[in-house]
Amino acid sequence: MQELKGFQKKYLRGRAHNLQPVVYVGQKGATAAVITALEGALASHELVKVKFVENKEKETKKIISAELEKRTGSCLAGLIGHVAIFFRSHPDSEKRKIVLPQR
């Protein structure tokens, strides 16, 4: 997945505002179950909120988010509080729900 530009991340954060978290990360971090759940959610929704249930430090959340981003082939659109927003466009262009602005 290509790197998102700032205005694209802002657009995705706006689209994700009304979404509820679909995937939850517990004390064990980025386990295989979390990655599988995120893969499935990205395949069906493209834009997914992930909530950190345990009170982790900001740096720990950044590290876990980077690992999830790398292992799922998605892009991190934002990390706000205890919620991370991930985006991965659908490989089939006819099934894409979200079209990123190109300016």
Protein backbone atom coordinates (compact mmCIF):
# COMPACT_ATOMS: atom_id res chain seq x y z
CA MET A 1 0.00 0.00 0.00
CA GLN A 2 1.29 3.41 -0.86
CA GLU A 3 1.96 5.99 1.85
CA LEU A 4 -0.97 8.28 2.58
CA LYS A 5 -0.56 12.04 2.27
CA GLY A 6 -1.64 14.37 5.06
CA PHE A 7 -4.87 15.51 3.40
CA GLN A 8 -5.80 11.88 2.68
CA LYS A 9 -5.27 10.93 6.34
CA LYS A 10 -7.43 13.88 7.37
CA TYR A 11 -10.16 12.76 4.95
CA LEU A 12 -10.07 9.20 6.36
CA ARG A 13 -10.15 10.41 9.97
CA GLY A 14 -13.27 12.41 9.07
CA ARG A 15 -14.89 9.37 7.45
CA ALA A 16 -14.05 7.25 10.52
CA HIS A 17 -15.52 9.71 13.02
CA ASN A 18 -18.92 7.98 13.22
CA LEU A 19 -17.53 4.43 13.11
CA GLN A 20 -17.40 2.17 16.15
CA PRO A 21 -14.25 0.17 16.94
CA VAL A 22 -14.36 -3.28 15.34
CA VAL A 23 -11.08 -4.76 16.62
CA TYR A 24 -9.83 -4.59 20.20
CA VAL A 25 -6.19 -4.93 21.28
CA GLY A 26 -5.70 -6.33 24.79
CA GLN A 27 -2.71 -6.58 27.08
CA LYS A 28 -0.89 -9.09 24.85
CA GLY A 29 -0.71 -6.61 21.97
CA ALA A 30 -0.67 -7.62 18.30
CA THR A 31 -1.48 -11.31 18.60
CA ALA A 32 -2.35 -13.58 15.69
CA ALA A 33 -6.03 -13.31 16.61
CA VAL A 34 -5.92 -9.51 16.49
CA ILE A 35 -4.18 -9.56 13.11
CA THR A 36 -6.70 -12.07 11.72
CA ALA A 37 -9.59 -9.94 12.98
CA LEU A 38 -8.08 -6.78 11.49
CA GLU A 39 -7.46 -8.54 8.15
CA GLY A 40 -11.11 -9.59 7.98
CA ALA A 41 -12.39 -6.16 8.98
CA LEU A 42 -10.20 -4.40 6.40
CA ALA A 43 -11.33 -6.81 3.68
CA SER A 44 -14.99 -6.02 4.32
CA HIS A 45 -14.93 -2.39 5.50
CA GLU A 46 -11.66 -0.84 4.18
CA LEU A 47 -11.68 1.72 7.03
CA VAL A 48 -11.46 0.26 10.54
CA LYS A 49 -11.11 1.59 14.06
CA VAL A 50 -8.98 -0.42 16.49
CA LYS A 51 -9.34 0.23 20.21
CA PHE A 52 -6.61 -0.35 22.78
CA VAL A 53 -8.40 -1.80 25.80
CA GLU A 54 -5.48 -1.74 28.20
CA ASN A 55 -4.13 1.64 29.28
CA LYS A 56 -0.90 1.60 27.32
CA GLU A 57 1.59 4.42 26.93
CA LYS A 58 1.49 6.40 23.72
CA GLU A 59 4.81 4.98 22.49
CA THR A 60 3.59 1.41 23.05
CA LYS A 61 0.43 2.15 21.05
CA LYS A 62 2.56 3.60 18.24
CA ILE A 63 4.74 0.47 18.15
CA ILE A 64 1.74 -1.89 18.13
CA SER A 65 0.02 0.22 15.46
CA ALA A 66 3.13 0.15 13.28
CA GLU A 67 3.30 -3.64 13.63
CA LEU A 68 -0.39 -4.02 12.73
CA GLU A 69 0.11 -1.69 9.77
CA LYS A 70 3.07 -3.71 8.51
CA ARG A 71 1.54 -7.16 9.02
CA THR A 72 -1.81 -6.31 7.40
CA GLY A 73 -0.52 -4.17 4.54
CA SER A 74 -2.68 -1.28 5.64
CA CYS A 75 -2.02 2.39 6.35
CA LEU A 76 -2.40 4.09 9.71
CA ALA A 77 -4.63 7.13 9.16
CA GLY A 78 -4.52 8.30 12.75
CA LEU A 79 -3.92 7.47 16.39
CA ILE A 80 -6.22 9.43 18.66
CA GLY A 81 -6.32 8.55 22.34
CA HIS A 82 -6.94 4.82 22.65
CA VAL A 83 -8.15 4.42 19.06
CA ALA A 84 -6.15 3.77 15.89
CA ILE A 85 -7.65 4.16 12.41
CA PHE A 86 -6.46 1.82 9.65
CA PHE A 87 -7.21 1.93 5.92
CA ARG A 88 -6.63 -0.54 3.13
CA SER A 89 -8.43 -0.18 -0.18
CA HIS A 90 -10.12 -3.23 -1.64
CA PRO A 91 -7.98 -4.95 -4.31
CA ASP A 92 -10.98 -5.14 -6.67
CA SER A 93 -11.65 -1.61 -7.94
CA GLU A 94 -15.36 -2.37 -8.46
CA LYS A 95 -15.83 -3.30 -4.78
CA ARG A 96 -14.08 -0.23 -3.33
CA LYS A 97 -16.24 1.77 -0.98
CA ILE A 98 -13.82 4.62 -0.31
CA VAL A 99 -12.11 6.69 -2.98
CA LEU A 100 -9.21 8.77 -1.69
CA PRO A 101 -8.98 12.39 -2.82
CA GLN A 102 -6.00 13.04 -5.12
CA ARG A 103 -6.05 16.85 -5.24
